[in-house]
Protein backbone atom coordinates (compact mmCIF):
# COMPACT_ATOMS: atom_id res chain seq x y z
CA MET A 1 9.06 4.95 -11.43
CA PHE A 2 12.32 5.56 -12.87
CA SER A 3 13.39 8.10 -10.15
CA SER A 4 12.30 9.83 -7.27
CA SER A 5 10.84 13.65 -6.66
CA GLY A 6 12.87 13.89 -3.78
CA ARG A 7 9.96 15.61 -1.59
CA ALA A 8 8.18 14.87 1.57
CA VAL A 9 5.10 14.03 1.91
CA ARG A 10 2.57 13.54 5.00
CA LYS A 11 -0.62 11.77 5.50
CA LEU A 12 -3.64 14.51 6.26
CA CYS A 13 -5.46 11.87 7.56
CA SER A 14 -6.28 11.35 11.24
CA SER A 15 -6.05 7.61 11.85
CA SER A 16 -4.61 4.42 11.82
CA SER A 17 -1.42 3.27 11.86
CA CYS A 18 1.37 6.16 11.12
CA THR A 19 3.24 4.13 8.17
CA ALA A 20 5.57 6.06 6.06
CA VAL A 21 7.69 6.36 3.23
CA SER A 22 11.23 7.21 2.21
CA VAL A 23 13.75 6.70 -0.07
CA ILE A 24 17.22 4.54 0.98
CA GLY A 25 19.33 8.07 2.63
CA LYS A 26 16.48 9.84 3.67
CA ARG A 27 15.35 10.91 0.14
CA ASN A 28 11.49 11.49 -0.14
CA LEU A 29 10.93 11.04 3.11
CA LEU A 30 6.79 10.58 3.17
CA LEU A 31 5.30 10.61 6.45
CA ARG A 32 1.92 9.87 7.16
CA GLU A 33 0.28 11.84 10.08
CA ARG A 34 -3.10 11.58 12.27
CA TYR A 35 -5.36 14.01 13.92
CA ILE A 36 -5.26 12.56 17.44
CA PRO A 37 -8.12 14.31 19.66
CA PRO A 38 -6.52 16.15 23.12
CA PRO A 39 -8.34 14.34 25.42
CA VAL A 40 -6.71 11.04 23.75
CA SER A 41 -3.26 12.55 22.29
CA SER A 42 -1.48 13.05 26.31
CA ASN A 43 -2.04 9.28 26.78
CA LEU A 44 -0.74 8.41 23.24
CA ALA A 45 2.47 11.05 23.30
CA LYS A 46 4.91 9.30 23.41
CA TYR A 47 3.56 5.93 20.84
CA SER A 48 2.82 8.55 18.00
CA VAL A 49 5.92 10.28 17.84
CA LYS A 50 7.54 6.63 17.31
CA ARG A 51 5.17 5.82 14.92
CA GLN A 52 4.87 8.88 13.14
CA ARG A 53 8.03 9.54 11.35
CA ARG A 54 8.13 5.30 10.08
CA ALA A 55 9.82 5.40 6.38
CA ILE A 56 9.57 2.45 3.75
CA PRO A 57 12.14 2.87 1.78
CA VAL A 58 11.20 2.75 -2.05
CA LEU A 59 13.17 0.31 -4.68
CA PHE A 60 13.16 3.41 -6.97
CA ASN A 61 17.03 2.43 -8.31
CA HIS A 62 16.50 -1.38 -7.80
CA PHE A 63 13.64 -2.60 -8.60
CA SER A 64 11.92 0.72 -9.88
CA LEU A 65 9.74 -0.23 -12.11
CA TYR A 66 8.05 -2.87 -10.43
CA SER A 67 4.60 -0.99 -11.99
CA THR A 68 4.93 0.05 -15.44
CA LYS A 69 3.41 2.84 -16.39
CA ALA A 70 0.54 4.04 -18.46
CA ALA A 71 0.45 6.37 -21.80
CA ALA A 72 -2.49 8.53 -23.10
CA THR A 73 -5.43 7.24 -24.90
CA PRO A 74 -7.04 9.32 -27.65
CA ALA A 75 -9.71 10.60 -25.54
CA THR A 76 -7.40 12.02 -23.51
CA ALA A 77 -5.33 14.23 -26.18
CA ALA A 78 -4.81 17.70 -26.20
CA THR A 79 -7.29 19.11 -28.53
CA PRO A 80 -8.13 23.10 -28.87
CA ALA A 81 -10.91 22.82 -26.75
CA ALA A 82 -9.22 21.90 -24.19
CA ASN A 83 -6.35 24.28 -24.92
CA ASN A 84 -8.96 26.73 -24.35
CA HIS A 85 -10.24 25.38 -21.43
CA LEU A 86 -6.77 25.99 -19.42
CA GLU A 87 -7.03 29.60 -21.09
CA GLU A 88 -10.16 30.40 -19.31
CA ALA A 89 -8.91 28.66 -16.24
CA SER A 90 -9.57 31.44 -13.70
CA GLN A 91 -8.54 31.73 -10.06
CA PRO A 92 -10.70 30.17 -7.18
CA ASN A 93 -13.64 32.21 -6.09
CA LEU A 94 -16.06 32.66 -3.05
CA SER A 95 -18.74 31.04 -5.56
CA ASP A 96 -17.02 27.70 -5.89
CA ALA A 97 -16.44 27.64 -1.93
CA TYR A 98 -21.01 28.67 -1.57
CA SER A 99 -21.31 26.00 -4.45
CA ALA A 100 -19.10 23.60 -2.58
CA ILE A 101 -20.49 23.92 1.30
CA GLU A 102 -23.99 23.68 -0.74
CA LEU A 103 -23.08 20.35 -2.14
CA ALA A 104 -21.16 19.19 1.16
CA LEU A 105 -23.83 20.08 4.03
CA ASP A 106 -25.47 17.11 3.39
CA SER A 107 -22.74 14.97 1.81
CA VAL A 108 -19.98 14.80 3.66
CA VAL A 109 -19.30 13.30 6.87
CA LYS A 110 -17.09 12.88 10.34
CA ILE A 111 -15.81 9.44 10.79
CA PHE A 112 -14.51 8.06 14.24
CA THR A 113 -12.31 5.06 14.41
CA VAL A 114 -11.01 3.63 17.23
CA SER A 115 -8.25 1.08 16.21
CA SER A 116 -5.39 -0.96 17.22
CA SER A 117 -2.22 -2.15 15.54
CA PRO A 118 -0.76 -5.58 15.76
CA ASN A 119 2.61 -5.82 17.90
CA TYR A 120 5.08 -7.43 15.76
CA PHE A 121 7.69 -8.42 18.16
CA LEU A 122 5.11 -10.17 20.60
CA PRO A 123 2.69 -11.13 17.33
CA TRP A 124 0.16 -12.88 20.15
CA GLN A 125 -1.04 -9.47 21.26
CA ASN A 126 -2.05 -6.43 19.96
CA LYS A 127 -1.05 -2.76 20.98
CA SER A 128 -2.97 0.16 22.86
CA GLN A 129 -6.23 1.42 21.41
CA ARG A 130 -6.27 5.05 19.79
CA GLU A 131 -8.90 6.87 18.95
CA THR A 132 -8.58 8.89 15.30
CA MET A 133 -11.08 11.06 13.37
CA GLY A 134 -11.04 11.73 9.41
CA SER A 135 -13.57 12.63 6.80
CA GLY A 136 -15.68 10.83 4.45
CA PHE A 137 -18.50 11.56 1.58
CA VAL A 138 -21.93 9.85 0.10
CA ILE A 139 -21.75 8.08 -3.18
CA HIS A 140 -24.26 6.35 -4.74
CA GLY A 141 -25.74 2.76 -3.48
CA LYS A 142 -25.76 3.87 0.29
CA LYS A 143 -22.19 4.10 0.93
CA ILE A 144 -19.40 6.08 1.95
CA LEU A 145 -15.87 6.50 0.18
CA THR A 146 -12.98 7.30 2.59
CA ASN A 147 -9.53 6.73 2.43
CA ALA A 148 -8.25 3.70 4.14
CA HIS A 149 -5.49 4.91 6.57
CA VAL A 150 -8.55 6.54 7.87
CA VAL A 151 -10.01 2.73 9.40
CA ALA A 152 -6.60 0.79 8.95
CA ASP A 153 -6.87 -1.97 11.66
CA HIS A 154 -9.79 -0.69 12.71
CA THR A 155 -12.10 -2.32 16.06
CA PHE A 156 -14.60 0.44 16.02
CA VAL A 157 -16.30 2.98 13.51
CA LEU A 158 -18.90 5.73 14.12
CA VAL A 159 -19.58 8.24 11.12
CA ARG A 160 -21.70 11.36 11.99
CA LYS A 161 -23.47 14.09 9.88
CA HIS A 162 -22.95 17.51 9.81
CA GLY A 163 -25.51 19.35 12.03
CA SER A 164 -26.06 16.07 14.05
CA PRO A 165 -25.58 15.24 17.24
CA THR A 166 -25.98 11.45 16.65
CA LYS A 167 -22.90 8.82 15.65
CA TYR A 168 -24.11 6.16 13.64
CA ARG A 169 -22.16 2.45 13.43
CA ALA A 170 -20.49 1.74 10.19
CA GLU A 171 -19.04 -1.26 8.98
CA VAL A 172 -16.23 -1.50 6.63
CA GLN A 173 -17.11 -3.21 3.39
CA ALA A 174 -13.79 -2.92 1.49
CA VAL A 175 -10.11 -1.30 1.42
CA GLY A 176 -7.52 -0.71 -0.50
CA HIS A 177 -4.66 0.13 1.18
CA GLU A 178 -2.71 0.26 -2.16
CA CYS A 179 -4.69 3.20 -3.31
CA ASP A 180 -5.99 4.53 0.40
CA LEU A 181 -9.56 4.11 -0.21
CA ALA A 182 -12.18 2.25 1.54
CA ILE A 183 -15.74 2.22 1.36
CA LEU A 184 -18.00 2.33 4.82
CA VAL A 185 -21.66 1.35 5.19
CA VAL A 186 -24.52 2.37 7.52
CA GLU A 187 -27.08 0.35 8.06
CA ASN A 188 -28.99 2.80 10.31
CA GLU A 189 -31.57 3.75 7.55
CA GLU A 190 -32.20 6.82 9.82
CA PHE A 191 -28.74 8.14 8.38
CA TRP A 192 -29.76 8.45 5.30
CA LYS A 193 -32.48 10.68 5.31
CA GLY A 194 -31.53 13.70 3.92
CA MET A 195 -28.51 12.45 2.56
CA ASN A 196 -27.30 13.47 -0.88
CA PHE A 197 -24.95 11.96 -3.52
CA LEU A 198 -21.89 13.20 -4.63
CA GLU A 199 -21.05 12.07 -8.37
CA LEU A 200 -17.76 11.64 -10.04
CA GLY A 201 -16.41 14.18 -12.10
CA ASP A 202 -13.18 13.96 -14.30
CA ILE A 203 -9.79 14.56 -13.87
CA PRO A 204 -9.37 18.68 -13.71
CA PHE A 205 -6.54 21.08 -15.86
CA LEU A 206 -4.12 22.85 -14.20
CA GLN A 207 -5.01 25.72 -12.25
CA GLU A 208 -8.88 24.85 -12.45
CA ALA A 209 -10.55 25.47 -9.18
CA VAL A 210 -11.18 23.20 -6.21
CA ALA A 211 -12.25 22.98 -3.22
CA VAL A 212 -11.51 20.72 -0.43
CA VAL A 213 -14.38 19.70 2.00
CA GLY A 214 -13.79 17.80 5.53
CA TYR A 215 -13.30 17.96 9.42
CA PRO A 216 -9.95 18.99 9.60
CA GLN A 217 -8.14 19.88 13.20
CA GLY A 218 -8.98 22.47 15.02
CA GLY A 219 -12.74 22.66 15.42
CA ASP A 220 -15.53 20.19 15.14
CA ASN A 221 -17.80 21.59 12.15
CA ILE A 222 -16.77 20.93 8.78
CA SER A 223 -14.21 23.12 6.67
CA VAL A 224 -13.81 24.31 3.48
CA THR A 225 -10.57 25.28 1.74
CA LYS A 226 -9.99 26.57 -2.17
CA GLY A 227 -7.24 26.02 -4.27
CA VAL A 228 -6.11 25.59 -7.65
CA VAL A 229 -4.73 22.18 -9.05
CA SER A 230 -0.70 22.48 -9.72
CA ARG A 231 0.24 19.66 -11.21
CA VAL A 232 -1.19 16.16 -12.04
CA GLU A 233 1.39 12.99 -11.68
CA PRO A 234 1.98 9.46 -10.55
CA THR A 235 3.15 10.12 -7.11
CA GLN A 236 3.97 7.89 -4.10
CA TYR A 237 1.00 7.09 -1.80
CA VAL A 238 2.35 6.81 1.96
CA HIS A 239 0.01 4.75 2.87
CA GLY A 240 0.07 1.75 0.37
CA ALA A 241 3.87 2.59 -0.53
CA SER A 242 2.62 2.61 -4.35
CA GLN A 243 2.91 4.75 -7.35
CA LEU A 244 -0.59 5.44 -8.72
CA MET A 245 -1.79 9.00 -10.41
CA ALA A 246 -2.13 11.76 -7.63
CA ILE A 247 -2.92 15.75 -8.29
CA GLN A 248 -1.37 17.68 -6.25
CA ILE A 249 -3.39 21.15 -5.15
CA ASP A 250 -2.69 24.03 -3.59
CA ALA A 251 -5.75 23.92 -1.03
CA ALA A 252 -4.58 23.99 2.96
CA ILE A 253 -5.14 19.79 4.20
CA ASN A 254 -4.58 19.10 7.26
CA PRO A 255 -4.74 16.11 9.36
CA GLY A 256 -8.43 15.42 9.64
CA ASN A 257 -9.06 16.21 6.18
CA SER A 258 -8.28 12.72 5.24
CA GLY A 259 -11.21 10.92 3.43
CA GLY A 260 -13.25 14.42 2.45
CA PRO A 261 -13.84 15.07 -1.45
CA ALA A 262 -12.03 17.64 -3.51
CA ILE A 263 -15.40 19.63 -5.37
CA MET A 264 -15.08 20.83 -8.61
CA GLY A 265 -18.14 22.36 -10.02
CA THR A 266 -20.83 20.42 -9.29
CA LYS A 267 -18.79 17.02 -8.89
CA VAL A 268 -15.75 15.43 -7.21
CA ALA A 269 -12.50 15.71 -8.55
CA GLY A 270 -10.93 13.56 -5.94
CA VAL A 271 -10.66 12.51 -2.47
CA ALA A 272 -8.26 14.21 -0.09
CA PHE A 273 -5.15 12.07 1.42
CA GLN A 274 -1.52 13.86 2.21
CA ASN A 275 -0.17 16.75 2.11
CA LEU A 276 3.76 17.85 1.05
CA SER A 277 5.65 17.55 4.59
CA GLY A 278 7.52 20.87 5.52
CA ALA A 279 5.79 22.91 2.66
CA GLU A 280 2.65 25.07 3.20
CA ASN A 281 -0.67 24.46 1.16
CA ILE A 282 1.22 21.97 -1.40
CA GLY A 283 -1.71 19.18 -0.87
CA TYR A 284 -3.08 16.01 -3.25
CA ILE A 285 -5.85 14.44 -3.91
CA ILE A 286 -6.73 10.69 -4.97
CA PRO A 287 -7.94 11.52 -8.58
CA VAL A 288 -11.34 9.62 -10.58
CA PRO A 289 -9.81 7.48 -12.38
CA VAL A 290 -7.84 5.86 -9.25
CA ILE A 291 -11.42 6.27 -7.64
CA LYS A 292 -13.42 4.60 -9.94
CA HIS A 293 -10.85 1.39 -10.53
CA PHE A 294 -10.83 0.89 -6.87
CA ILE A 295 -14.99 0.90 -6.63
CA ASN A 296 -15.87 -1.11 -9.80
CA GLY A 297 -13.14 -3.58 -8.78
CA VAL A 298 -14.98 -4.17 -5.22
CA GLU A 299 -18.58 -4.26 -7.04
CA GLU A 300 -17.55 -6.49 -9.85
CA SER A 301 -16.02 -8.93 -7.41
CA GLY A 302 -16.93 -8.04 -4.23
CA LYS A 303 -13.68 -7.72 -2.97
CA TYR A 304 -10.76 -5.50 -3.79
CA VAL A 305 -8.76 -6.40 -6.63
CA GLY A 306 -6.06 -4.21 -6.46
CA PHE A 307 -4.16 -2.38 -9.23
CA CYS A 308 -2.03 -4.70 -12.02
CA SER A 309 1.71 -4.68 -12.66
CA MET A 310 4.18 -5.73 -15.33
CA GLY A 311 6.78 -6.91 -12.69
CA LEU A 312 9.37 -5.35 -14.60
CA SER A 313 12.40 -2.69 -13.86
CA CYS A 314 13.69 -0.80 -15.98
CA GLN A 315 15.94 1.53 -16.69
CA PRO A 316 15.88 4.77 -19.15
CA THR A 317 17.49 4.59 -22.03
CA GLU A 318 18.51 8.63 -22.57
CA ASN A 319 22.55 7.73 -22.92
CA VAL A 320 23.59 7.29 -26.67
CA GLN A 321 26.04 4.96 -26.48
CA LEU A 322 23.45 2.77 -24.34
CA ARG A 323 20.80 3.35 -27.38
CA LYS A 324 23.27 2.60 -29.61
CA HIS A 325 24.90 -0.75 -27.57
CA PHE A 326 21.46 -1.93 -27.90
CA GLY A 327 20.49 -1.63 -31.93
CA MET A 328 18.40 1.38 -31.50
CA CYS A 329 17.78 3.15 -34.68
CA PRO A 330 17.86 7.13 -33.90
CA GLU A 331 14.05 7.36 -34.20
CA MET A 332 13.55 4.56 -31.92
CA THR A 333 12.55 5.23 -28.26
CA GLY A 334 12.03 2.82 -25.24
CA VAL A 335 13.46 1.33 -22.01
CA LEU A 336 15.52 -1.10 -20.94
CA VAL A 337 14.54 -4.23 -18.60
CA SER A 338 16.51 -4.73 -16.26
CA LYS A 339 14.32 -7.45 -14.34
CA ILE A 340 11.67 -9.20 -14.46
CA ASN A 341 8.96 -10.57 -11.61
CA PRO A 342 9.31 -14.81 -12.08
CA LEU A 343 5.45 -14.56 -11.17
CA SER A 344 4.17 -11.89 -13.75
CA ASP A 345 3.55 -13.38 -17.35
CA ALA A 346 5.94 -10.87 -18.56
CA HIS A 347 8.33 -13.47 -17.19
CA ARG A 348 7.01 -15.80 -20.05
CA VAL A 349 7.67 -14.13 -23.32
CA LEU A 350 10.42 -10.75 -22.42
CA LYS A 351 14.11 -11.46 -21.56
CA LYS A 352 16.55 -8.68 -19.93
CA ASP A 353 18.18 -6.55 -21.96
CA ASP A 354 14.93 -5.95 -24.07
CA ILE A 355 14.04 -2.77 -25.08
CA ILE A 356 9.86 -2.21 -24.36
CA LEU A 357 9.15 0.61 -27.19
CA ALA A 358 5.42 0.69 -27.26
CA PHE A 359 2.87 -0.40 -24.32
CA ASP A 360 -0.58 -1.00 -26.19
CA GLY A 361 0.29 1.31 -29.41
CA VAL A 362 1.36 3.98 -27.20
CA PRO A 363 5.12 5.26 -27.39
CA ILE A 364 7.33 5.15 -25.04
CA ALA A 365 10.19 7.71 -24.75
CA ASN A 366 13.54 7.02 -23.38
CA ASP A 367 12.71 8.58 -19.93
CA GLY A 368 9.74 6.13 -19.79
CA THR A 369 6.70 8.83 -20.51
CA VAL A 370 4.31 9.28 -22.64
CA PRO A 371 2.17 12.17 -23.99
CA PHE A 372 -0.92 12.60 -21.67
CA ARG A 373 -3.41 15.42 -22.39
CA ASN A 374 -1.86 19.23 -23.01
CA ARG A 375 1.44 19.20 -24.07
CA GLU A 376 1.85 16.82 -20.32
CA ARG A 377 3.84 13.89 -19.52
CA ILE A 378 3.08 10.72 -17.42
CA THR A 379 5.02 7.60 -16.84
CA PHE A 380 3.81 4.82 -18.44
CA ASP A 381 3.00 2.46 -15.28
CA HIS A 382 -0.43 4.96 -14.85
CA LEU A 383 -1.79 2.84 -17.90
CA VAL A 384 -0.88 -0.45 -16.71
CA SER A 385 -2.21 0.70 -13.44
CA MET A 386 -5.50 1.10 -14.78
CA LYS A 387 -5.89 -2.38 -16.17
CA LYS A 388 -8.38 -4.63 -14.83
CA PRO A 389 -7.07 -7.80 -13.42
CA ASN A 390 -6.34 -10.62 -16.03
CA GLU A 391 -6.77 -8.35 -19.21
CA THR A 392 -4.39 -8.11 -21.48
CA ALA A 393 -1.67 -5.79 -22.93
CA SER A 394 0.24 -5.39 -26.14
CA VAL A 395 3.83 -4.70 -26.12
CA ARG A 396 6.15 -3.92 -28.84
CA LEU A 397 9.96 -4.64 -28.40
CA LEU A 398 13.36 -4.80 -29.46
CA ARG A 399 15.26 -7.87 -29.25
CA GLY A 400 19.23 -8.69 -30.67
CA GLY A 401 18.29 -5.54 -33.45
CA GLU A 402 14.67 -7.27 -34.26
CA GLU A 403 10.69 -5.76 -33.39
CA HIS A 404 8.82 -8.04 -31.76
CA GLU A 405 5.37 -7.65 -30.72
CA PHE A 406 3.71 -10.16 -27.55
CA CYS A 407 0.35 -9.87 -25.67
CA ILE A 408 1.04 -9.96 -21.80
CA THR A 409 -1.79 -10.53 -19.09
CA LEU A 410 -1.68 -8.11 -16.38
CA ARG A 411 -2.84 -9.12 -12.63
CA PRO A 412 -1.71 -7.30 -9.32
CA LEU A 413 1.56 -8.84 -8.10
CA GLN A 414 2.95 -8.93 -4.34
CA PRO A 415 6.57 -8.15 -2.88
CA LEU A 416 8.31 -11.17 -1.14
CA VAL A 417 8.37 -9.35 1.73
CA PRO A 418 4.88 -7.66 2.56
CA VAL A 419 4.93 -3.29 2.50
CA HIS A 420 1.95 -3.57 4.74
CA GLN A 421 -0.34 -5.94 6.64
CA PHE A 422 -3.17 -3.46 7.70
CA ASP A 423 -6.44 -4.96 9.05
CA LYS A 424 -4.76 -8.33 9.55
CA LEU A 425 -3.28 -10.74 12.67
CA PRO A 426 0.28 -11.50 12.34
CA SER A 427 1.51 -14.93 11.59
CA TYR A 428 3.65 -16.74 14.13
CA TYR A 429 4.73 -20.29 15.18
CA ILE A 430 6.17 -21.36 18.47
CA PHE A 431 7.99 -24.37 19.83
CA ALA A 432 10.25 -24.95 22.28
CA GLY A 433 10.53 -20.97 22.74
CA LEU A 434 11.89 -20.37 19.35
CA VAL A 435 9.16 -18.09 17.97
CA PHE A 436 9.26 -18.29 13.83
CA VAL A 437 7.41 -15.05 11.67
CA PRO A 438 7.35 -14.65 8.07
CA LEU A 439 9.25 -11.06 7.46
CA THR A 440 7.52 -7.88 6.79
CA GLN A 441 8.21 -4.57 6.42
CA PRO A 442 5.85 -3.68 9.84
CA TYR A 443 7.66 -6.12 11.61
CA LEU A 444 11.08 -3.79 10.28
CA HIS A 445 9.02 -0.88 11.82
CA GLU A 446 9.10 -2.00 14.54
CA TYR A 447 12.63 -1.37 15.36
CA GLY A 448 11.96 2.79 14.86
CA GLU A 449 11.70 5.63 13.21
CA GLU A 450 15.10 4.85 11.78
CA TRP A 451 14.59 1.27 10.89
CA TYR A 452 16.53 1.06 8.22
CA ASN A 453 19.83 1.62 10.15
CA THR A 454 19.15 -0.15 12.90
CA SER A 455 17.04 -3.08 12.09
CA PRO A 456 19.05 -6.03 11.35
CA ARG A 457 20.74 -4.98 8.25
CA ARG A 458 20.66 -8.62 6.31
CA LEU A 459 17.27 -8.82 6.89
CA CYS A 460 16.75 -5.04 5.63
CA GLU A 461 18.35 -5.75 2.36
CA ARG A 462 16.43 -9.25 1.38
CA ALA A 463 12.87 -7.27 2.60
CA LEU A 464 13.99 -4.85 -0.35
CA ARG A 465 15.56 -6.32 -2.73
CA ASP A 466 14.28 -10.14 -2.93
CA GLN A 467 11.90 -11.06 -5.25
CA PRO A 468 9.60 -14.28 -4.84
CA LYS A 469 10.65 -17.55 -6.80
CA LYS A 470 6.84 -19.59 -6.47
CA ALA A 471 3.85 -17.95 -5.19
CA ALA A 472 3.05 -17.97 -1.47
CA GLN A 473 6.29 -18.12 -0.69
CA GLN A 474 7.98 -16.40 2.35
CA LEU A 475 10.83 -15.26 4.12
CA ILE A 476 10.70 -16.60 7.42
CA ILE A 477 13.10 -15.32 10.30
CA LEU A 478 13.63 -16.82 14.06
CA SER A 479 12.38 -13.70 15.65
CA GLN A 480 13.42 -14.06 19.18
CA VAL A 481 14.25 -16.93 22.01
CA LEU A 482 11.49 -17.02 24.89
CA MET A 483 14.06 -18.45 27.45
CA ASP A 484 14.08 -21.84 28.88
CA ASP A 485 16.73 -25.07 29.77
CA ILE A 486 15.70 -26.69 26.07
CA ASN A 487 17.18 -23.82 23.87
CA ALA A 488 19.66 -22.32 25.98
CA GLY A 489 22.89 -21.26 24.15
CA TYR A 490 20.58 -20.31 20.88
CA GLU A 491 19.47 -16.95 22.12
CA ARG A 492 22.62 -15.18 19.64
CA LEU A 493 20.95 -16.80 16.36
CA ALA A 494 17.71 -14.91 17.07
CA GLU A 495 16.78 -12.86 14.15
CA LEU A 496 18.80 -14.60 11.78
CA GLN A 497 16.91 -16.48 8.29
CA VAL A 498 15.41 -19.91 8.89
CA LYS A 499 15.85 -21.53 5.10
CA LYS A 500 15.35 -25.54 6.07
CA VAL A 501 13.51 -28.05 8.60
CA ASN A 502 15.44 -31.62 9.12
CA GLY A 503 16.72 -30.80 5.05
CA ILE A 504 13.72 -29.54 3.59
CA GLU A 505 13.91 -26.23 2.39
CA ILE A 506 10.71 -24.40 3.87
CA ASP A 507 8.40 -22.31 1.31
CA ASN A 508 6.45 -20.34 4.12
CA LEU A 509 5.77 -20.34 7.69
CA LYS A 510 2.72 -22.73 7.18
CA HIS A 511 5.42 -25.49 5.12
CA LEU A 512 7.47 -24.79 8.56
CA CYS A 513 4.75 -25.89 10.83
CA GLN A 514 4.13 -29.00 8.59
CA LEU A 515 7.12 -30.34 8.69
CA VAL A 516 7.87 -29.41 13.00
CA GLY A 517 4.35 -31.19 13.48
CA ASN A 518 4.99 -34.52 10.68
CA CYS A 519 9.05 -34.78 12.41
CA SER A 520 9.57 -38.63 12.50
CA SER A 521 12.96 -38.86 13.96
CA GLU A 522 14.50 -38.46 17.49
CA SER A 523 16.11 -35.05 16.51
CA LEU A 524 14.71 -32.10 15.17
CA ARG A 525 17.26 -29.64 12.98
CA PHE A 526 16.86 -25.95 12.01
CA ASP A 527 19.00 -24.48 9.48
CA LEU A 528 19.62 -20.78 9.19
CA ASP A 529 21.01 -18.29 7.52
CA GLU A 530 25.14 -18.07 7.97
CA ASP A 531 24.58 -21.81 8.23
CA ARG A 532 23.78 -21.65 11.56
CA VAL A 533 22.62 -24.92 12.88
CA ILE A 534 19.44 -25.20 15.97
CA ALA A 535 18.85 -29.60 16.47
CA LEU A 536 16.77 -30.14 19.35
CA ASN A 537 15.43 -33.46 21.27
CA TYR A 538 11.89 -33.74 19.49
CA GLN A 539 9.59 -35.20 22.16
CA SER A 540 11.00 -32.65 25.00
CA ALA A 541 10.57 -30.13 22.68
CA LYS A 542 6.88 -30.75 22.42
CA VAL A 543 6.58 -30.86 26.18
CA ALA A 544 8.69 -27.71 26.69
CA THR A 545 6.51 -25.57 24.18
CA SER A 546 3.55 -26.14 26.98
CA ARG A 547 5.62 -25.08 29.61
CA ILE A 548 7.41 -21.92 27.85
CA LEU A 549 3.82 -20.72 26.86
CA LYS A 550 2.27 -20.94 30.38
CA ARG A 551 5.43 -19.19 31.32
CA HIS A 552 5.20 -16.27 28.77
CA ARG A 553 0.96 -16.45 29.40
CA ILE A 554 1.12 -16.86 25.22
CA PRO A 555 -2.67 -18.28 24.82
CA SER A 556 -1.63 -20.49 21.72
CA ALA A 557 1.51 -21.78 19.90
CA MET A 558 0.35 -20.54 16.60
CA SER A 559 -1.42 -17.59 14.99
CA SER A 560 -5.36 -18.34 14.01
CA ASP A 561 -4.51 -18.61 10.40
CA LEU A 562 -2.78 -21.49 11.10
CA SER A 563 -4.63 -23.12 13.56
CA ALA A 564 -7.26 -22.82 11.37
CA GLU A 565 -5.56 -24.25 8.43
CA GLN A 566 -4.10 -27.42 10.79
CA ASN A 567 -7.69 -27.96 11.66
CA ILE A 568 -8.89 -28.14 8.13
CA SER A 569 -6.05 -30.37 7.18
CA GLU A 570 -6.75 -32.77 9.91
CA SER A 571 -10.37 -32.96 9.24
CA GLU A 572 -9.31 -33.72 5.70
CA SER A 573 -7.08 -36.35 6.99
CA ALA A 574 -9.59 -37.89 9.03
CA SER A 575 -12.65 -38.11 6.21
CA SER A 576 -10.43 -39.31 4.23
CA SER A 577 -8.93 -42.28 6.63
């Protein structure tokens, strides 16, 4: 994650919310598109255009190594056999496509999704529902594997087998938005008659032939495109704004292909998920190691467990003077620690200005890469991301001219401001017409496709740069003011961060809700950013809240997650008394 590739990538998916990723300054614009059938697209045209060009700035410069990169293990080291394999790799031929078709006819399914995304400016209601389509394929255990963005924010999912007129109801068992994968299950036993399960293979070598199977736009029947592997490296996953290993291929991948298998020989080499915007026949597939990490995590814990991170921001040490300044010998290589996430285990043992020399015994080059297969290199956060949660790793580093070795526990880490909020309703709390919400990037996306330039500058910078200082911390903002006599004059304070309630610093929205509900003084005070203050008569504000909710047809003063927690707290208090 030391630098961006400067390439624009778009999702070849046909469903759910159209988030995208782009590096600040309009570098690396990653767009995810979806295929909407013609009968629906005419009604949603304006909505789709607005959403399809969203971008999530990626922190390559200031917090770029938030997840550290991985090294090749001895099992992946180059061998003479691997060299021969590369030399013998040939261009795809018709037999590859024919074998892929034979495998796919009873394995690949078409997925129909009805979804509805939240309105983050009006968090008590959803936007219009939309219909989208994608692909998927059957794996062992009577499960269907597809992309997360195919079923994100879903309300209803159907699947259809090749050659069948019947659509079957499917349920989403697990979703991993960071890796853009999802598992569906179909309870109807009739669906599984005659279905074949596809086996997962290995990472293909460069120039090996693959065939991508799915249901792209332009027709209703199954489609097969063939090509070769061009590149294997960590790539920005548009949907989840994460950096994981991906395989670049030159097979044509179009909207609707999302979730379909890329078949090599008789096994699956990956899952199609995005393509390069503005280029022809450059697509990306999710490789088998990422797929297995997702599936194994779901099988072991019953839910998606995420991908581990060291919680570091690192700087390359390619400059000779920089290496001398930190006492590195000529034969030493490594990266400089710039920032450490306070919630990571690395914060316990690592320090700013440490030089990380090796991860799990694999030396790290000055540009942050490690050896991978046959004369290939890969950034070392791949190895970190493939670790299971709570696994340990050894880190060798240089500190003050002396070498040290530490053991670090790895686990998934969440940013202070969430990058995505799929499949969940946004939290909100309304008091006296003041609408309080946690800051999220989807909230900033509501400002339009150029949200980085049109959203409030201070909120945008904090969303991209601030780190959490404690667990469950949220950045709470005053989203808007629903006008009433009680709050007249405060409308200009919207979009400011809320810092304190009656002098107490707030941790999250739940904490703010508790402080307001437990207020025992006559006056209630909110301290906001820029040293702004809101003061209200507490009893008058409580009366005004009901009046304002009724006027704006808002069903509840708080989101369902807050009301559920409040009910639990009240029941516990009643039982204890």
